[in-house]
Amino acid sequence: MEHKSNENISAALKLLEDAAKQKKDELKTALSDKYTNLRSLIIETDSSLMQLLGNAKDHALESADHIKEAGIEKVHEIAHDVDGSVHQNPWPYIAGAAVVGTLLGVLLRRSAK
């Protein structure tokens, strides 16, 4: 009788071991599928992020070009206005240049001593 109960216990343990192996394989498959899905999601997110950064870079370059063009245009306007003002009334500019030249001469002469 003891022999039969040992056989029953061995059969039960074998059945439990087989069930555990089956569940282990199912768990491995499930985890593998989850990691595959996670990996594809990360790849999609990475490509979306790269595209978004590329668009931001292009927008920043366009903005920088517009700012540069606006700055150049403004400098040309100011230069044209100053040129016109100097041609209409040159004496204040000549006097200003003389004062600045005199001040620089005084400062350079003092620093040379």
PDB file of N, CA and C in Angstrom:
ATOM      1  N   MET A   1       0.821  -1.175   0.000  1.00  0.00           N
ATOM      2  CA  MET A   1       0.000   0.000   0.000  1.00  0.00           C
ATOM      3  C   MET A   1       0.878   1.258   0.000  1.00  0.00           C
ATOM      4  N   GLU A   2       1.967   1.199   0.746  1.00  0.00           N
ATOM      5  CA  GLU A   2       2.887   2.324   0.812  1.00  0.00           C
ATOM      6  C   GLU A   2       3.490   2.586  -0.568  1.00  0.00           C
ATOM      7  N   HIS A   3       3.747   1.532  -1.291  1.00  0.00           N
ATOM      8  CA  HIS A   3       4.314   1.656  -2.631  1.00  0.00           C
ATOM      9  C   HIS A   3       3.344   2.387  -3.572  1.00  0.00           C
ATOM     10  N   LYS A   4       2.064   2.073  -3.441  1.00  0.00           N
ATOM     11  CA  LYS A   4       1.053   2.710  -4.274  1.00  0.00           C
ATOM     12  C   LYS A   4       0.933   4.195  -3.930  1.00  0.00           C
ATOM     13  N   SER A   5       1.030   4.556  -2.647  1.00  0.00           N
ATOM     14  CA  SER A   5       0.934   5.959  -2.267  1.00  0.00           C
ATOM     15  C   SER A   5       2.167   6.729  -2.729  1.00  0.00           C
ATOM     16  N   ASN A   6       3.339   6.073  -2.745  1.00  0.00           N
ATOM     17  CA  ASN A   6       4.552   6.703  -3.287  1.00  0.00           C
ATOM     18  C   ASN A   6       4.403   6.953  -4.781  1.00  0.00           C
ATOM     19  N   GLU A   7       3.780   5.999  -5.462  1.00  0.00           N
ATOM     20  CA  GLU A   7       3.535   6.177  -6.897  1.00  0.00           C
ATOM     21  C   GLU A   7       2.560   7.320  -7.138  1.00  0.00           C
ATOM     22  N   ASN A   8       1.533   7.412  -6.306  1.00  0.00           N
ATOM     23  CA  ASN A   8       0.557   8.502  -6.441  1.00  0.00           C
ATOM     24  C   ASN A   8       1.218   9.858  -6.188  1.00  0.00           C
ATOM     25  N   ILE A   9       2.078   9.893  -5.169  1.00  0.00           N
ATOM     26  CA  ILE A   9       2.791  11.143  -4.865  1.00  0.00           C
ATOM     27  C   ILE A   9       3.737  11.495  -6.018  1.00  0.00           C
ATOM     28  N   SER A  10       4.435  10.515  -6.548  1.00  0.00           N
ATOM     29  CA  SER A  10       5.343  10.756  -7.674  1.00  0.00           C
ATOM     30  C   SER A  10       4.570  11.232  -8.893  1.00  0.00           C
ATOM     31  N   ALA A  11       3.425  10.618  -9.148  1.00  0.00           N
ATOM     32  CA  ALA A  11       2.589  11.031 -10.285  1.00  0.00           C
ATOM     33  C   ALA A  11       2.082  12.454 -10.085  1.00  0.00           C
ATOM     34  N   ALA A  12       1.679  12.776  -8.861  1.00  0.00           N
ATOM     35  CA  ALA A  12       1.196  14.126  -8.571  1.00  0.00           C
ATOM     36  C   ALA A  12       2.313  15.153  -8.737  1.00  0.00           C
ATOM     37  N   LEU A  13       3.516  14.798  -8.246  1.00  0.00           N
ATOM     38  CA  LEU A  13       4.652  15.708  -8.398  1.00  0.00           C
ATOM     39  C   LEU A  13       5.015  15.891  -9.865  1.00  0.00           C
ATOM     40  N   LYS A  14       4.956  14.810 -10.627  1.00  0.00           N
ATOM     41  CA  LYS A  14       5.238  14.884 -12.066  1.00  0.00           C
ATOM     42  C   LYS A  14       4.213  15.776 -12.760  1.00  0.00           C
ATOM     43  N   LEU A  15       2.955  15.636 -12.370  1.00  0.00           N
ATOM     44  CA  LEU A  15       1.886  16.463 -12.943  1.00  0.00           C
ATOM     45  C   LEU A  15       2.112  17.933 -12.601  1.00  0.00           C
ATOM     46  N   LEU A  16       2.485  18.221 -11.353  1.00  0.00           N
ATOM     47  CA  LEU A  16       2.766  19.600 -10.940  1.00  0.00           C
ATOM     48  C   LEU A  16       3.979  20.166 -11.686  1.00  0.00           C
ATOM     49  N   GLU A  17       5.002  19.339 -11.860  1.00  0.00           N
ATOM     50  CA  GLU A  17       6.199  19.777 -12.579  1.00  0.00           C
ATOM     51  C   GLU A  17       5.868  20.103 -14.029  1.00  0.00           C
ATOM     52  N   ASP A  18       5.070  19.254 -14.671  1.00  0.00           N
ATOM     53  CA  ASP A  18       4.657  19.515 -16.060  1.00  0.00           C
ATOM     54  C   ASP A  18       3.831  20.797 -16.163  1.00  0.00           C
ATOM     55  N   ALA A  19       2.926  20.996 -15.204  1.00  0.00           N
ATOM     56  CA  ALA A  19       2.106  22.213 -15.196  1.00  0.00           C
ATOM     57  C   ALA A  19       2.979  23.445 -14.997  1.00  0.00           C
ATOM     58  N   ALA A  20       3.983  23.334 -14.103  1.00  0.00           N
ATOM     59  CA  ALA A  20       4.889  24.458 -13.857  1.00  0.00           C
ATOM     60  C   ALA A  20       5.700  24.788 -15.107  1.00  0.00           C
ATOM     61  N   LYS A  21       6.183  23.755 -15.819  1.00  0.00           N
ATOM     62  CA  LYS A  21       6.935  23.988 -17.061  1.00  0.00           C
ATOM     63  C   LYS A  21       6.058  24.674 -18.104  1.00  0.00           C
ATOM     64  N   GLN A  22       4.812  24.235 -18.202  1.00  0.00           N
ATOM     65  CA  GLN A  22       3.889  24.825 -19.183  1.00  0.00           C
ATOM     66  C   GLN A  22       3.637  26.296 -18.837  1.00  0.00           C
ATOM     67  N   LYS A  23       3.399  26.565 -17.569  1.00  0.00           N
ATOM     68  CA  LYS A  23       3.157  27.954 -17.143  1.00  0.00           C
ATOM     69  C   LYS A  23       4.415  28.805 -17.350  1.00  0.00           C
ATOM     70  N   LYS A  24       5.583  28.187 -17.111  1.00  0.00           N
ATOM     71  CA  LYS A  24       6.841  28.902 -17.308  1.00  0.00           C
ATOM     72  C   LYS A  24       6.990  29.286 -18.778  1.00  0.00           C
ATOM     73  N   ASP A  25       6.692  28.374 -19.692  1.00  0.00           N
ATOM     74  CA  ASP A  25       6.773  28.667 -21.124  1.00  0.00           C
ATOM     75  C   ASP A  25       5.768  29.744 -21.519  1.00  0.00           C
ATOM     76  N   GLU A  26       4.553  29.664 -20.962  1.00  0.00           N
ATOM     77  CA  GLU A  26       3.539  30.685 -21.252  1.00  0.00           C
ATOM     78  C   GLU A  26       3.994  32.053 -20.749  1.00  0.00           C
ATOM     79  N   LEU A  27       4.602  32.082 -19.572  1.00  0.00           N
ATOM     80  CA  LEU A  27       5.086  33.340 -18.995  1.00  0.00           C
ATOM     81  C   LEU A  27       6.222  33.924 -19.842  1.00  0.00           C
ATOM     82  N   LYS A  28       7.140  33.053 -20.295  1.00  0.00           N
ATOM     83  CA  LYS A  28       8.223  33.524 -21.162  1.00  0.00           C
ATOM     84  C   LYS A  28       7.674  34.116 -22.443  1.00  0.00           C
ATOM     85  N   THR A  29       6.691  33.454 -23.042  1.00  0.00           N
ATOM     86  CA  THR A  29       6.087  33.944 -24.277  1.00  0.00           C
ATOM     87  C   THR A  29       5.401  35.293 -24.042  1.00  0.00           C
ATOM     88  N   ALA A  30       4.664  35.394 -22.940  1.00  0.00           N
ATOM     89  CA  ALA A  30       3.962  36.646 -22.630  1.00  0.00           C
ATOM     90  C   ALA A  30       4.953  37.785 -22.411  1.00  0.00           C
ATOM     91  N   LEU A  31       6.016  37.506 -21.647  1.00  0.00           N
ATOM     92  CA  LEU A  31       7.019  38.545 -21.402  1.00  0.00           C
ATOM     93  C   LEU A  31       7.735  38.932 -22.691  1.00  0.00           C
ATOM     94  N   SER A  32       8.032  37.958 -23.519  1.00  0.00           N
ATOM     95  CA  SER A  32       8.690  38.243 -24.796  1.00  0.00           C
ATOM     96  C   SER A  32       7.814  39.140 -25.665  1.00  0.00           C
ATOM     97  N   ASP A  33       6.506  38.840 -25.706  1.00  0.00           N
ATOM     98  CA  ASP A  33       5.577  39.671 -26.477  1.00  0.00           C
ATOM     99  C   ASP A  33       5.513  41.084 -25.913  1.00  0.00           C
ATOM    100  N   LYS A  34       5.491  41.202 -24.576  1.00  0.00           N
ATOM    101  CA  LYS A  34       5.433  42.529 -23.945  1.00  0.00           C
ATOM    102  C   LYS A  34       6.690  43.337 -24.272  1.00  0.00           C
ATOM    103  N   TYR A  35       7.863  42.683 -24.185  1.00  0.00           N
ATOM    104  CA  TYR A  35       9.109  43.390 -24.488  1.00  0.00           C
ATOM    105  C   TYR A  35       9.187  43.772 -25.955  1.00  0.00           C
ATOM    106  N   THR A  36       8.664  42.931 -26.834  1.00  0.00           N
ATOM    107  CA  THR A  36       8.643  43.261 -28.263  1.00  0.00           C
ATOM    108  C   THR A  36       7.769  44.479 -28.494  1.00  0.00           C
ATOM    109  N   ASN A  37       6.605  44.514 -27.847  1.00  0.00           N
ATOM    110  CA  ASN A  37       5.719  45.671 -27.973  1.00  0.00           C
ATOM    111  C   ASN A  37       6.369  46.924 -27.402  1.00  0.00           C
ATOM    112  N   LEU A  38       7.034  46.774 -26.261  1.00  0.00           N
ATOM    113  CA  LEU A  38       7.708  47.913 -25.641  1.00  0.00           C
ATOM    114  C   LEU A  38       8.834  48.428 -26.533  1.00  0.00           C
ATOM    115  N   ARG A  39       9.610  47.512 -27.110  1.00  0.00           N
ATOM    116  CA  ARG A  39      10.710  47.901 -27.989  1.00  0.00           C
ATOM    117  C   ARG A  39      10.173  48.655 -29.217  1.00  0.00           C
ATOM    118  N   SER A  40       9.104  48.152 -29.822  1.00  0.00           N
ATOM    119  CA  SER A  40       8.547  48.839 -30.997  1.00  0.00           C
ATOM    120  C   SER A  40       7.985  50.204 -30.615  1.00  0.00           C
ATOM    121  N   LEU A  41       7.395  50.308 -29.427  1.00  0.00           N
ATOM    122  CA  LEU A  41       6.888  51.597 -28.960  1.00  0.00           C
ATOM    123  C   LEU A  41       8.025  52.586 -28.757  1.00  0.00           C
ATOM    124  N   ILE A  42       9.145  52.132 -28.197  1.00  0.00           N
ATOM    125  CA  ILE A  42      10.308  53.004 -27.995  1.00  0.00           C
ATOM    126  C   ILE A  42      10.873  53.451 -29.338  1.00  0.00           C
ATOM    127  N   ILE A  43      10.933  52.544 -30.301  1.00  0.00           N
ATOM    128  CA  ILE A  43      11.448  52.898 -31.627  1.00  0.00           C
ATOM    129  C   ILE A  43      10.541  53.928 -32.292  1.00  0.00           C
ATOM    130  N   GLU A  44       9.220  53.749 -32.176  1.00  0.00           N
ATOM    131  CA  GLU A  44       8.278  54.719 -32.745  1.00  0.00           C
ATOM    132  C   GLU A  44       8.435  56.074 -32.073  1.00  0.00           C
ATOM    133  N   THR A  45       8.556  56.078 -30.739  1.00  0.00           N
ATOM    134  CA  THR A  45       8.713  57.326 -30.000  1.00  0.00           C
ATOM    135  C   THR A  45      10.016  58.008 -30.379  1.00  0.00           C
ATOM    136  N   ASP A  46      11.073  57.230 -30.539  1.00  0.00           N
ATOM    137  CA  ASP A  46      12.374  57.784 -30.914  1.00  0.00           C
ATOM    138  C   ASP A  46      12.299  58.444 -32.286  1.00  0.00           C
ATOM    139  N   SER A  47      11.667  57.778 -33.236  1.00  0.00           N
ATOM    140  CA  SER A  47      11.578  58.366 -34.576  1.00  0.00           C
ATOM    141  C   SER A  47      10.687  59.607 -34.563  1.00  0.00           C
ATOM    142  N   SER A  48       9.619  59.595 -33.767  1.00  0.00           N
ATOM    143  CA  SER A  48       8.753  60.771 -33.661  1.00  0.00           C
ATOM    144  C   SER A  48       9.508  61.933 -33.032  1.00  0.00           C
ATOM    145  N   LEU A  49      10.307  61.628 -32.012  1.00  0.00           N
ATOM    146  CA  LEU A  49      11.091  62.667 -31.349  1.00  0.00           C
ATOM    147  C   LEU A  49      12.127  63.257 -32.299  1.00  0.00           C
ATOM    148  N   MET A  50      12.784  62.405 -33.083  1.00  0.00           N
ATOM    149  CA  MET A  50      13.772  62.887 -34.045  1.00  0.00           C
ATOM    150  C   MET A  50      13.104  63.790 -35.082  1.00  0.00           C
ATOM    151  N   GLN A  51      11.918  63.412 -35.533  1.00  0.00           N
ATOM    152  CA  GLN A  51      11.202  64.231 -36.508  1.00  0.00           C
ATOM    153  C   GLN A  51      10.806  65.571 -35.880  1.00  0.00           C
ATOM    154  N   LEU A  52      10.343  65.535 -34.643  1.00  0.00           N
ATOM    155  CA  LEU A  52       9.965  66.759 -33.944  1.00  0.00           C
ATOM    156  C   LEU A  52      11.172  67.674 -33.754  1.00  0.00           C
ATOM    157  N   LEU A  53      12.318  67.114 -33.373  1.00  0.00           N
ATOM    158  CA  LEU A  53      13.530  67.916 -33.211  1.00  0.00           C
ATOM    159  C   LEU A  53      13.997  68.488 -34.550  1.00  0.00           C
ATOM    160  N   GLY A  54      13.870  67.703 -35.616  1.00  0.00           N
ATOM    161  CA  GLY A  54      14.228  68.195 -36.946  1.00  0.00           C
ATOM    162  C   GLY A  54      13.356  69.363 -37.355  1.00  0.00           C
ATOM    163  N   ASN A  55      12.054  69.268 -37.077  1.00  0.00           N
ATOM    164  CA  ASN A  55      11.138  70.368 -37.393  1.00  0.00           C
ATOM    165  C   ASN A  55      11.478  71.613 -36.570  1.00  0.00           C
ATOM    166  N   ALA A  56      11.802  71.415 -35.297  1.00  0.00           N
ATOM    167  CA  ALA A  56      12.159  72.552 -34.436  1.00  0.00           C
ATOM    168  C   ALA A  56      13.437  73.220 -34.936  1.00  0.00           C
ATOM    169  N   LYS A  57      14.414  72.409 -35.370  1.00  0.00           N
ATOM    170  CA  LYS A  57      15.665  72.955 -35.894  1.00  0.00           C
ATOM    171  C   LYS A  57      15.404  73.774 -37.152  1.00  0.00           C
ATOM    172  N   ASP A  58      14.572  73.234 -38.060  1.00  0.00           N
ATOM    173  CA  ASP A  58      14.252  73.959 -39.288  1.00  0.00           C
ATOM    174  C   ASP A  58      13.553  75.279 -38.981  1.00  0.00           C
ATOM    175  N   HIS A  59      12.626  75.247 -38.027  1.00  0.00           N
ATOM    176  CA  HIS A  59      11.908  76.472 -37.647  1.00  0.00           C
ATOM    177  C   HIS A  59      12.874  77.497 -37.040  1.00  0.00           C
ATOM    178  N   ALA A  60      13.800  77.029 -36.212  1.00  0.00           N
ATOM    179  CA  ALA A  60      14.778  77.938 -35.592  1.00  0.00           C
ATOM    180  C   ALA A  60      15.683  78.561 -36.657  1.00  0.00           C
ATOM    181  N   LEU A  61      16.101  77.779 -37.642  1.00  0.00           N
ATOM    182  CA  LEU A  61      16.938  78.313 -38.718  1.00  0.00           C
ATOM    183  C   LEU A  61      16.186  79.349 -39.551  1.00  0.00           C
ATOM    184  N   GLU A  62      14.911  79.076 -39.832  1.00  0.00           N
ATOM    185  CA  GLU A  62      14.106  80.044 -40.583  1.00  0.00           C
ATOM    186  C   GLU A  62      13.952  81.337 -39.796  1.00  0.00           C
ATOM    187  N   SER A  63      13.698  81.215 -38.489  1.00  0.00           N
ATOM    188  CA  SER A  63      13.550  82.408 -37.643  1.00  0.00           C
ATOM    189  C   SER A  63      14.851  83.205 -37.606  1.00  0.00           C
ATOM    190  N   ALA A  64      15.977  82.511 -37.496  1.00  0.00           N
ATOM    191  CA  ALA A  64      17.271  83.194 -37.465  1.00  0.00           C
ATOM    192  C   ALA A  64      17.524  83.925 -38.781  1.00  0.00           C
ATOM    193  N   ASP A  65      17.159  83.304 -39.905  1.00  0.00           N
ATOM    194  CA  ASP A  65      17.326  83.966 -41.203  1.00  0.00           C
ATOM    195  C   ASP A  65      16.471  85.226 -41.299  1.00  0.00           C
ATOM    196  N   HIS A  66      15.218  85.138 -40.820  1.00  0.00           N
ATOM    197  CA  HIS A  66      14.333  86.311 -40.859  1.00  0.00           C
ATOM    198  C   HIS A  66      14.872  87.431 -39.978  1.00  0.00           C
ATOM    199  N   ILE A  67      15.368  87.067 -38.793  1.00  0.00           N
ATOM    200  CA  ILE A  67      15.921  88.078 -37.888  1.00  0.00           C
ATOM    201  C   ILE A  67      17.158  88.720 -38.508  1.00  0.00           C
ATOM    202  N   LYS A  68      17.996  87.919 -39.126  1.00  0.00           N
ATOM    203  CA  LYS A  68      19.202  88.442 -39.771  1.00  0.00           C
ATOM    204  C   LYS A  68      18.833  89.404 -40.894  1.00  0.00           C
ATOM    205  N   GLU A  69      17.882  89.005 -41.731  1.00  0.00           N
ATOM    206  CA  GLU A  69      17.458  89.862 -42.843  1.00  0.00           C
ATOM    207  C   GLU A  69      16.853  91.164 -42.327  1.00  0.00           C
ATOM    208  N   ALA A  70      16.033  91.087 -41.272  1.00  0.00           N
ATOM    209  CA  ALA A  70      15.425  92.293 -40.698  1.00  0.00           C
ATOM    210  C   ALA A  70      16.501  93.203 -40.116  1.00  0.00           C
ATOM    211  N   GLY A  71      17.525  92.619 -39.462  1.00  0.00           N
ATOM    212  CA  GLY A  71      18.611  93.423 -38.898  1.00  0.00           C
ATOM    213  C   GLY A  71      19.416  94.121 -39.971  1.00  0.00           C
ATOM    214  N   ILE A  72      19.722  93.408 -41.045  1.00  0.00           N
ATOM    215  CA  ILE A  72      20.477  94.014 -42.156  1.00  0.00           C
ATOM    216  C   ILE A  72      19.678  95.146 -42.782  1.00  0.00           C
ATOM    217  N   GLU A  73      18.386  94.926 -42.953  1.00  0.00           N
ATOM    218  CA  GLU A  73      17.536  95.963 -43.538  1.00  0.00           C
ATOM    219  C   GLU A  73      17.485  97.195 -42.639  1.00  0.00           C
ATOM    220  N   LYS A  74      17.388  96.986 -41.327  1.00  0.00           N
ATOM    221  CA  LYS A  74      17.331  98.107 -40.385  1.00  0.00           C
ATOM    222  C   LYS A  74      18.646  98.889 -40.390  1.00  0.00           C
ATOM    223  N   VAL A  75      19.789  98.176 -40.451  1.00  0.00           N
ATOM    224  CA  VAL A  75      21.094  98.846 -40.496  1.00  0.00           C
ATOM    225  C   VAL A  75      21.205  99.694 -41.758  1.00  0.00           C
ATOM    226  N   HIS A  76      20.733  99.162 -42.883  1.00  0.00           N
ATOM    227  CA  HIS A  76      20.774  99.931 -44.131  1.00  0.00           C
ATOM    228  C   HIS A  76      19.890 101.180 -44.031  1.00  0.00           C
ATOM    229  N   GLU A  77      18.731 101.051 -43.403  1.00  0.00           N
ATOM    230  CA  GLU A  77      17.851 102.215 -43.223  1.00  0.00           C
ATOM    231  C   GLU A  77      18.531 103.284 -42.365  1.00  0.00           C
ATOM    232  N   ILE A  78      19.137 102.861 -41.250  1.00  0.00           N
ATOM    233  CA  ILE A  78      19.799 103.815 -40.353  1.00  0.00           C
ATOM    234  C   ILE A  78      20.978 104.477 -41.066  1.00  0.00           C
ATOM    235  N   ALA A  79      21.770 103.687 -41.795  1.00  0.00           N
ATOM    236  CA  ALA A  79      22.911 104.260 -42.524  1.00  0.00           C
ATOM    237  C   ALA A  79      22.440 105.266 -43.563  1.00  0.00           C
ATOM    238  N   HIS A  80      21.343 104.951 -44.239  1.00  0.00           N
ATOM    239  CA  HIS A  80      20.814 105.878 -45.250  1.00  0.00           C
ATOM    240  C   HIS A  80      20.327 107.163 -44.595  1.00  0.00           C
ATOM    241  N   ASP A  81      19.640 107.037 -43.442  1.00  0.00           N
ATOM    242  CA  ASP A  81      19.155 108.226 -42.730  1.00  0.00           C
ATOM    243  C   ASP A  81      20.313 109.092 -42.234  1.00  0.00           C
ATOM    244  N   VAL A  82      21.364 108.454 -41.673  1.00  0.00           N
ATOM    245  CA  VAL A  82      22.523 109.212 -41.187  1.00  0.00           C
ATOM    246  C   VAL A  82      23.226 109.897 -42.352  1.00  0.00           C
ATOM    247  N   ASP A  83      23.374 109.185 -43.455  1.00  0.00           N
ATOM    248  CA  ASP A  83      24.025 109.772 -44.636  1.00  0.00           C
ATOM    249  C   ASP A  83      23.257 110.999 -45.119  1.00  0.00           C
ATOM    250  N   GLY A  84      21.937 110.886 -45.168  1.00  0.00           N
ATOM    251  CA  GLY A  84      21.117 112.033 -45.589  1.00  0.00           C
ATOM    252  C   GLY A  84      21.238 113.192 -44.625  1.00  0.00           C
ATOM    253  N   SER A  85      21.260 112.887 -43.327  1.00  0.00           N
ATOM    254  CA  SER A  85      21.356 113.932 -42.315  1.00  0.00           C
ATOM    255  C   SER A  85      22.709 114.635 -42.389  1.00  0.00           C
ATOM    256  N   VAL A  86      23.793 113.882 -42.599  1.00  0.00           N
ATOM    257  CA  VAL A  86      25.125 114.471 -42.706  1.00  0.00           C
ATOM    258  C   VAL A  86      25.216 115.353 -43.944  1.00  0.00           C
ATOM    259  N   HIS A  87      24.617 114.935 -45.041  1.00  0.00           N
ATOM    260  CA  HIS A  87      24.670 115.741 -46.262  1.00  0.00           C
ATOM    261  C   HIS A  87      23.864 117.037 -46.120  1.00  0.00           C
ATOM    262  N   GLN A  88      22.776 116.992 -45.357  1.00  0.00           N
ATOM    263  CA  GLN A  88      21.953 118.198 -45.184  1.00  0.00           C
ATOM    264  C   GLN A  88      22.592 119.181 -44.206  1.00  0.00           C
ATOM    265  N   ASN A  89      23.202 118.689 -43.142  1.00  0.00           N
ATOM    266  CA  ASN A  89      23.761 119.568 -42.124  1.00  0.00           C
ATOM    267  C   ASN A  89      25.041 118.930 -41.575  1.00  0.00           C
ATOM    268  N   PRO A  90      26.191 119.139 -42.218  1.00  0.00           N
ATOM    269  CA  PRO A  90      27.418 118.437 -41.838  1.00  0.00           C
ATOM    270  C   PRO A  90      28.138 119.015 -40.622  1.00  0.00           C
ATOM    271  N   TRP A  91      27.903 120.277 -40.262  1.00  0.00           N
ATOM    272  CA  TRP A  91      28.700 120.925 -39.231  1.00  0.00           C
ATOM    273  C   TRP A  91      28.594 120.294 -37.842  1.00  0.00           C
ATOM    274  N   PRO A  92      27.441 119.866 -37.394  1.00  0.00           N
ATOM    275  CA  PRO A  92      27.412 119.210 -36.070  1.00  0.00           C
ATOM    276  C   PRO A  92      28.245 117.915 -36.045  1.00  0.00           C
ATOM    277  N   TYR A  93      28.255 117.207 -37.147  1.00  0.00           N
ATOM    278  CA  TYR A  93      29.033 115.964 -37.211  1.00  0.00           C
ATOM    279  C   TYR A  93      30.535 116.258 -37.244  1.00  0.00           C
ATOM    280  N   ILE A  94      30.918 117.307 -37.951  1.00  0.00           N
ATOM    281  CA  ILE A  94      32.326 117.698 -37.993  1.00  0.00           C
ATOM    282  C   ILE A  94      32.785 118.128 -36.602  1.00  0.00           C
ATOM    283  N   ALA A  95      31.933 118.896 -35.904  1.00  0.00           N
ATOM    284  CA  ALA A  95      32.278 119.351 -34.551  1.00  0.00           C
ATOM    285  C   ALA A  95      32.366 118.150 -33.597  1.00  0.00           C
ATOM    286  N   GLY A  96      31.449 117.221 -33.724  1.00  0.00           N
ATOM    287  CA  GLY A  96      31.474 116.026 -32.874  1.00  0.00           C
ATOM    288  C   GLY A  96      32.727 115.211 -33.106  1.00  0.00           C
ATOM    289  N   ALA A  97      33.111 115.047 -34.361  1.00  0.00           N
ATOM    290  CA  ALA A  97      34.325 114.296 -34.676  1.00  0.00           C
ATOM    291  C   ALA A  97      35.552 115.014 -34.107  1.00  0.00           C
ATOM    292  N   ALA A  98      35.570 116.350 -34.158  1.00  0.00           N
ATOM    293  CA  ALA A  98      36.703 117.107 -33.620  1.00  0.00           C
ATOM    294  C   ALA A  98      36.791 116.941 -32.104  1.00  0.00           C
ATOM    295  N   VAL A  99      35.647 116.979 -31.425  1.00  0.00           N
ATOM    296  CA  VAL A  99      35.633 116.821 -29.961  1.00  0.00           C
ATOM    297  C   VAL A  99      36.118 115.417 -29.573  1.00  0.00           C
ATOM    298  N   VAL A 100      35.609 114.402 -30.261  1.00  0.00           N
ATOM    299  CA  VAL A 100      36.018 113.029 -29.960  1.00  0.00           C
ATOM    300  C   VAL A 100      37.508 112.852 -30.237  1.00  0.00           C
ATOM    301  N   GLY A 101      38.008 113.406 -31.331  1.00  0.00           N
ATOM    302  CA  GLY A 101      39.435 113.313 -31.645  1.00  0.00           C
ATOM    303  C   GLY A 101      40.284 113.999 -30.600  1.00  0.00           C
ATOM    304  N   THR A 102      39.850 115.164 -30.128  1.00  0.00           N
ATOM    305  CA  THR A 102      40.593 115.889 -29.104  1.00  0.00           C
ATOM    306  C   THR A 102      40.624 115.097 -27.795  1.00  0.00           C
ATOM    307  N   LEU A 103      39.478 114.550 -27.395  1.00  0.00           N
ATOM    308  CA  LEU A 103      39.421 113.759 -26.157  1.00  0.00           C
ATOM    309  C   LEU A 103      40.328 112.527 -26.239  1.00  0.00           C
ATOM    310  N   LEU A 104      40.313 111.848 -27.372  1.00  0.00           N
ATOM    311  CA  LEU A 104      41.186 110.690 -27.545  1.00  0.00           C
ATOM    312  C   LEU A 104      42.656 111.091 -27.487  1.00  0.00           C
ATOM    313  N   GLY A 105      42.984 112.230 -28.094  1.00  0.00           N
ATOM    314  CA  GLY A 105      44.370 112.713 -28.053  1.00  0.00           C
ATOM    315  C   GLY A 105      44.811 113.009 -26.637  1.00  0.00           C
ATOM    316  N   VAL A 106      43.940 113.647 -25.853  1.00  0.00           N
ATOM    317  CA  VAL A 106      44.274 113.965 -24.460  1.00  0.00           C
ATOM    318  C   VAL A 106      44.457 112.687 -23.661  1.00  0.00           C
ATOM    319  N   LEU A 107      43.548 111.748 -23.827  1.00  0.00           N
ATOM    320  CA  LEU A 107      43.637 110.500 -23.077  1.00  0.00           C
ATOM    321  C   LEU A 107      44.887 109.700 -23.449  1.00  0.00           C
ATOM    322  N   LEU A 108      45.214 109.635 -24.720  1.00  0.00           N
ATOM    323  CA  LEU A 108      46.392 108.890 -25.153  1.00  0.00           C
ATOM    324  C   LEU A 108      47.676 109.566 -24.674  1.00  0.00           C
ATOM    325  N   ARG A 109      47.682 110.897 -24.660  1.00  0.00           N
ATOM    326  CA  ARG A 109      48.867 111.621 -24.205  1.00  0.00           C
ATOM    327  C   ARG A 109      49.101 111.405 -22.725  1.00  0.00           C
ATOM    328  N   ARG A 110      48.014 111.360 -21.924  1.00  0.00           N
ATOM    329  CA  ARG A 110      48.145 111.118 -20.495  1.00  0.00           C
ATOM    330  C   ARG A 110      48.625 109.701 -20.205  1.00  0.00           C
ATOM    331  N   SER A 111      48.110 108.737 -20.967  1.00  0.00           N
ATOM    332  CA  SER A 111      48.504 107.348 -20.728  1.00  0.00           C
ATOM    333  C   SER A 111      49.944 107.091 -21.182  1.00  0.00           C
ATOM    334  N   ALA A 112      50.470 107.918 -22.108  1.00  0.00           N
ATOM    335  CA  ALA A 112      51.835 107.757 -22.583  1.00  0.00           C
ATOM    336  C   ALA A 112      52.828 108.275 -21.548  1.00  0.00           C
ATOM    337  N   LYS A 113      52.420 109.178 -20.685  1.00  0.00           N
ATOM    338  CA  LYS A 113      53.335 109.762 -19.682  1.00  0.00           C
ATOM    339  C   LYS A 113      53.584 108.828 -18.584  1.00  0.00           C
TER     340      LYS A 113
END
